[in-house]
Amino acid sequence: MEHGDRHITVVDEQGNEQLCEILFTFESDDFGKSYVFYYPVSKEAEDENGETEVHVSAFIPADENQEGELLPIETEEEWDMIEEVWNTFCAEQEDEEE
């Protein structure tokens, strides 16, 4: 995964590849990790209300020789921090729309 590229390909448990768009990335000094919020691009990913589920993963950034790697969120503390970042992001988006 590259920061300049706004898309990543995610492989699910069944081995299906899904193109996703990156919403935003951030780094946490507390956990020493980078995180990415992303959502599937395909229309099939929408629920009955037309909403698309946003996913979040920790990630290892790509370097010249390797692709980036998505990692699961492992602790309750990480989830709490991620939820706080998400709420701040959503509040900022709402402010921009007014």
N, C-alpha and C. Protein backbone atom coordinates (compact mmCIF):
# COMPACT_ATOMS: atom_id res chain seq x y z
N MET A 1 0.85 -1.18 0.00
CA MET A 1 0.00 0.00 0.00
C MET A 1 0.89 1.23 0.00
N GLU A 2 0.61 2.15 -0.89
CA GLU A 2 1.39 3.37 -0.97
C GLU A 2 0.51 4.54 -0.58
N HIS A 3 1.11 5.54 0.08
CA HIS A 3 0.34 6.72 0.50
C HIS A 3 -0.15 7.52 -0.70
N GLY A 4 0.60 7.55 -1.78
CA GLY A 4 0.19 8.31 -2.95
C GLY A 4 -0.99 7.69 -3.66
N ASP A 5 -1.16 6.41 -3.53
CA ASP A 5 -2.24 5.68 -4.18
C ASP A 5 -3.43 5.65 -3.22
N ARG A 6 -4.60 6.05 -3.68
CA ARG A 6 -5.77 6.11 -2.81
C ARG A 6 -6.54 4.79 -2.78
N HIS A 7 -6.01 3.74 -3.38
CA HIS A 7 -6.69 2.45 -3.40
C HIS A 7 -5.77 1.35 -2.89
N ILE A 8 -6.37 0.37 -2.25
CA ILE A 8 -5.64 -0.83 -1.83
C ILE A 8 -6.48 -2.03 -2.23
N THR A 9 -5.83 -3.15 -2.40
CA THR A 9 -6.53 -4.40 -2.66
C THR A 9 -6.47 -5.24 -1.39
N VAL A 10 -7.64 -5.61 -0.90
CA VAL A 10 -7.74 -6.39 0.33
C VAL A 10 -8.20 -7.80 -0.04
N VAL A 11 -7.56 -8.80 0.54
CA VAL A 11 -7.94 -10.19 0.30
C VAL A 11 -8.66 -10.70 1.54
N ASP A 12 -9.90 -11.20 1.35
CA ASP A 12 -10.68 -11.67 2.50
C ASP A 12 -10.32 -13.12 2.85
N GLU A 13 -11.03 -13.67 3.85
CA GLU A 13 -10.73 -15.03 4.34
C GLU A 13 -10.91 -16.09 3.26
N GLN A 14 -11.79 -15.83 2.28
CA GLN A 14 -12.03 -16.79 1.21
C GLN A 14 -11.05 -16.61 0.05
N GLY A 15 -10.13 -15.66 0.16
CA GLY A 15 -9.16 -15.43 -0.90
C GLY A 15 -9.66 -14.52 -2.01
N ASN A 16 -10.82 -13.88 -1.80
CA ASN A 16 -11.36 -12.95 -2.79
C ASN A 16 -10.69 -11.59 -2.66
N GLU A 17 -10.27 -11.03 -3.78
CA GLU A 17 -9.67 -9.70 -3.77
C GLU A 17 -10.77 -8.66 -3.90
N GLN A 18 -10.63 -7.59 -3.14
CA GLN A 18 -11.62 -6.52 -3.19
C GLN A 18 -10.88 -5.18 -3.23
N LEU A 19 -11.22 -4.35 -4.22
CA LEU A 19 -10.61 -3.04 -4.33
C LEU A 19 -11.27 -2.12 -3.32
N CYS A 20 -10.44 -1.43 -2.53
CA CYS A 20 -10.95 -0.52 -1.51
C CYS A 20 -10.31 0.85 -1.69
N GLU A 21 -11.07 1.87 -1.33
CA GLU A 21 -10.55 3.23 -1.36
C GLU A 21 -10.13 3.63 0.04
N ILE A 22 -8.98 4.29 0.13
CA ILE A 22 -8.47 4.74 1.42
C ILE A 22 -9.18 6.03 1.80
N LEU A 23 -9.78 6.05 2.98
CA LEU A 23 -10.44 7.25 3.48
C LEU A 23 -9.38 8.16 4.09
N PHE A 24 -8.61 7.64 5.03
CA PHE A 24 -7.46 8.37 5.56
C PHE A 24 -6.58 7.43 6.37
N THR A 25 -5.35 7.85 6.58
CA THR A 25 -4.40 7.10 7.40
C THR A 25 -3.91 8.00 8.52
N PHE A 26 -3.46 7.40 9.59
CA PHE A 26 -2.85 8.16 10.69
C PHE A 26 -1.89 7.26 11.44
N GLU A 27 -1.01 7.90 12.20
CA GLU A 27 -0.04 7.16 13.01
C GLU A 27 -0.32 7.40 14.48
N SER A 28 -0.09 6.38 15.28
CA SER A 28 -0.25 6.50 16.72
C SER A 28 1.10 6.32 17.39
N ASP A 29 1.57 7.38 18.04
CA ASP A 29 2.83 7.28 18.78
C ASP A 29 2.66 6.36 19.99
N ASP A 30 1.46 6.36 20.60
CA ASP A 30 1.21 5.53 21.78
C ASP A 30 1.39 4.05 21.48
N PHE A 31 0.95 3.62 20.28
CA PHE A 31 1.03 2.21 19.92
C PHE A 31 2.16 1.92 18.94
N GLY A 32 2.79 2.96 18.42
CA GLY A 32 3.90 2.77 17.48
C GLY A 32 3.48 2.11 16.19
N LYS A 33 2.24 2.40 15.75
CA LYS A 33 1.70 1.77 14.54
C LYS A 33 1.05 2.83 13.65
N SER A 34 0.89 2.46 12.39
CA SER A 34 0.10 3.26 11.46
C SER A 34 -1.23 2.55 11.26
N TYR A 35 -2.28 3.34 10.99
CA TYR A 35 -3.62 2.79 10.80
C TYR A 35 -4.23 3.36 9.53
N VAL A 36 -5.12 2.59 8.93
CA VAL A 36 -5.80 3.04 7.71
C VAL A 36 -7.29 2.76 7.83
N PHE A 37 -8.10 3.78 7.49
CA PHE A 37 -9.55 3.61 7.34
C PHE A 37 -9.80 3.45 5.85
N TYR A 38 -10.58 2.44 5.48
CA TYR A 38 -10.84 2.19 4.06
C TYR A 38 -12.22 1.56 3.89
N TYR A 39 -12.73 1.62 2.66
CA TYR A 39 -14.04 1.03 2.38
C TYR A 39 -14.04 0.43 0.98
N PRO A 40 -14.83 -0.63 0.77
CA PRO A 40 -14.90 -1.28 -0.54
C PRO A 40 -15.48 -0.33 -1.58
N VAL A 41 -14.94 -0.38 -2.79
CA VAL A 41 -15.39 0.48 -3.88
C VAL A 41 -16.64 -0.08 -4.55
N SER A 42 -16.78 -1.40 -4.58
CA SER A 42 -17.87 -2.04 -5.34
C SER A 42 -19.24 -1.71 -4.76
N LYS A 43 -20.23 -1.68 -5.63
CA LYS A 43 -21.61 -1.42 -5.22
C LYS A 43 -22.17 -2.57 -4.37
N GLU A 44 -21.64 -3.78 -4.57
CA GLU A 44 -22.13 -4.93 -3.79
C GLU A 44 -21.84 -4.76 -2.30
N ALA A 45 -20.89 -3.90 -1.98
CA ALA A 45 -20.51 -3.71 -0.58
C ALA A 45 -21.52 -2.86 0.19
N GLU A 46 -22.45 -2.20 -0.52
CA GLU A 46 -23.43 -1.36 0.16
C GLU A 46 -24.52 -2.21 0.82
N ASP A 47 -25.00 -1.72 1.96
CA ASP A 47 -26.12 -2.43 2.61
C ASP A 47 -27.44 -1.94 2.02
N GLU A 48 -28.55 -2.38 2.61
CA GLU A 48 -29.86 -2.05 2.04
C GLU A 48 -30.16 -0.55 2.07
N ASN A 49 -29.47 0.21 2.90
CA ASN A 49 -29.68 1.66 2.98
C ASN A 49 -28.72 2.43 2.08
N GLY A 50 -27.92 1.71 1.29
CA GLY A 50 -26.95 2.39 0.43
C GLY A 50 -25.71 2.84 1.18
N GLU A 51 -25.55 2.36 2.42
CA GLU A 51 -24.39 2.72 3.23
C GLU A 51 -23.27 1.71 2.99
N THR A 52 -22.05 2.21 3.02
CA THR A 52 -20.89 1.34 2.86
C THR A 52 -20.17 1.25 4.20
N GLU A 53 -19.84 0.04 4.60
CA GLU A 53 -19.14 -0.17 5.87
C GLU A 53 -17.68 0.25 5.73
N VAL A 54 -17.22 1.04 6.69
CA VAL A 54 -15.82 1.48 6.71
C VAL A 54 -15.04 0.51 7.60
N HIS A 55 -13.88 0.08 7.12
CA HIS A 55 -13.02 -0.85 7.86
C HIS A 55 -11.79 -0.10 8.34
N VAL A 56 -11.14 -0.64 9.36
CA VAL A 56 -9.89 -0.07 9.82
C VAL A 56 -8.92 -1.20 10.15
N SER A 57 -7.66 -1.00 9.80
CA SER A 57 -6.61 -1.97 10.10
C SER A 57 -5.35 -1.22 10.47
N ALA A 58 -4.52 -1.87 11.24
CA ALA A 58 -3.16 -1.37 11.40
C ALA A 58 -2.43 -1.75 10.12
N PHE A 59 -1.36 -1.04 9.77
CA PHE A 59 -0.63 -1.44 8.58
C PHE A 59 0.85 -1.16 8.69
N ILE A 60 1.61 -1.94 7.94
CA ILE A 60 3.04 -1.72 7.77
C ILE A 60 3.19 -1.07 6.41
N PRO A 61 3.71 0.16 6.36
CA PRO A 61 3.85 0.84 5.06
C PRO A 61 4.75 0.07 4.11
N ALA A 62 4.48 0.24 2.83
CA ALA A 62 5.29 -0.39 1.79
C ALA A 62 6.65 0.30 1.72
N ASP A 63 7.66 -0.48 1.34
CA ASP A 63 8.95 0.13 1.00
C ASP A 63 9.24 -0.23 -0.45
N GLU A 64 10.43 0.07 -0.91
CA GLU A 64 10.74 -0.14 -2.33
C GLU A 64 10.63 -1.60 -2.76
N ASN A 65 10.90 -2.52 -1.86
CA ASN A 65 10.96 -3.94 -2.23
C ASN A 65 9.71 -4.74 -1.87
N GLN A 66 8.87 -4.19 -1.01
CA GLN A 66 7.73 -4.98 -0.53
C GLN A 66 6.45 -4.15 -0.55
N GLU A 67 5.33 -4.86 -0.68
CA GLU A 67 4.03 -4.22 -0.54
C GLU A 67 3.76 -3.99 0.94
N GLY A 68 2.86 -3.04 1.21
CA GLY A 68 2.44 -2.84 2.59
C GLY A 68 1.62 -4.03 3.05
N GLU A 69 1.46 -4.14 4.36
CA GLU A 69 0.73 -5.28 4.92
C GLU A 69 -0.30 -4.79 5.93
N LEU A 70 -1.55 -5.23 5.79
CA LEU A 70 -2.60 -4.90 6.75
C LEU A 70 -2.53 -5.87 7.92
N LEU A 71 -2.75 -5.35 9.12
CA LEU A 71 -2.70 -6.16 10.34
C LEU A 71 -3.98 -5.96 11.14
N PRO A 72 -4.41 -6.97 11.88
CA PRO A 72 -5.62 -6.80 12.70
C PRO A 72 -5.36 -5.87 13.90
N ILE A 73 -6.44 -5.26 14.38
CA ILE A 73 -6.37 -4.46 15.61
C ILE A 73 -6.45 -5.46 16.76
N GLU A 74 -5.51 -5.38 17.69
CA GLU A 74 -5.36 -6.46 18.66
C GLU A 74 -5.88 -6.19 20.07
N THR A 75 -5.96 -4.91 20.46
CA THR A 75 -6.31 -4.66 21.86
C THR A 75 -7.51 -3.71 21.98
N GLU A 76 -8.18 -3.79 23.11
CA GLU A 76 -9.31 -2.91 23.41
C GLU A 76 -8.84 -1.45 23.46
N GLU A 77 -7.61 -1.23 23.96
CA GLU A 77 -7.06 0.13 24.02
C GLU A 77 -6.91 0.72 22.63
N GLU A 78 -6.46 -0.11 21.68
CA GLU A 78 -6.33 0.36 20.30
C GLU A 78 -7.70 0.74 19.73
N TRP A 79 -8.71 -0.13 19.97
CA TRP A 79 -10.05 0.16 19.47
C TRP A 79 -10.59 1.46 20.04
N ASP A 80 -10.34 1.71 21.34
CA ASP A 80 -10.81 2.95 21.97
C ASP A 80 -10.16 4.16 21.30
N MET A 81 -8.85 4.09 21.05
CA MET A 81 -8.13 5.18 20.41
C MET A 81 -8.64 5.39 18.99
N ILE A 82 -8.87 4.29 18.25
CA ILE A 82 -9.36 4.37 16.87
C ILE A 82 -10.75 4.99 16.83
N GLU A 83 -11.60 4.61 17.78
CA GLU A 83 -12.95 5.17 17.84
C GLU A 83 -12.89 6.68 18.07
N GLU A 84 -11.97 7.12 18.92
CA GLU A 84 -11.80 8.54 19.19
C GLU A 84 -11.36 9.29 17.91
N VAL A 85 -10.40 8.72 17.18
CA VAL A 85 -9.93 9.31 15.93
C VAL A 85 -11.08 9.38 14.93
N TRP A 86 -11.86 8.30 14.82
CA TRP A 86 -12.99 8.26 13.89
C TRP A 86 -14.03 9.32 14.23
N ASN A 87 -14.36 9.45 15.53
CA ASN A 87 -15.35 10.45 15.95
C ASN A 87 -14.87 11.86 15.63
N THR A 88 -13.59 12.12 15.82
CA THR A 88 -13.01 13.42 15.49
C THR A 88 -13.09 13.67 13.99
N PHE A 89 -12.75 12.65 13.19
CA PHE A 89 -12.82 12.76 11.73
C PHE A 89 -14.25 13.07 11.30
N CYS A 90 -15.23 12.34 11.82
CA CYS A 90 -16.63 12.55 11.44
C CYS A 90 -17.10 13.95 11.83
N ALA A 91 -16.71 14.42 13.00
CA ALA A 91 -17.09 15.77 13.44
C ALA A 91 -16.50 16.82 12.51
N GLU A 92 -15.25 16.63 12.09
CA GLU A 92 -14.61 17.58 11.17
C GLU A 92 -15.31 17.58 9.82
N GLN A 93 -15.73 16.39 9.34
CA GLN A 93 -16.45 16.30 8.08
C GLN A 93 -17.78 17.04 8.14
N GLU A 94 -18.48 16.89 9.27
CA GLU A 94 -19.76 17.58 9.44
C GLU A 94 -19.57 19.09 9.47
N ASP A 95 -18.50 19.55 10.12
CA ASP A 95 -18.22 20.99 10.17
C ASP A 95 -17.99 21.54 8.77
N GLU A 96 -17.29 20.78 7.93
CA GLU A 96 -16.99 21.22 6.57
C GLU A 96 -18.25 21.30 5.72
N GLU A 97 -19.25 20.44 6.00
CA GLU A 97 -20.46 20.40 5.20
C GLU A 97 -21.41 21.55 5.54
N GLU A 98 -21.27 22.14 6.72
CA GLU A 98 -22.19 23.23 7.13
C GLU A 98 -21.87 24.54 6.44
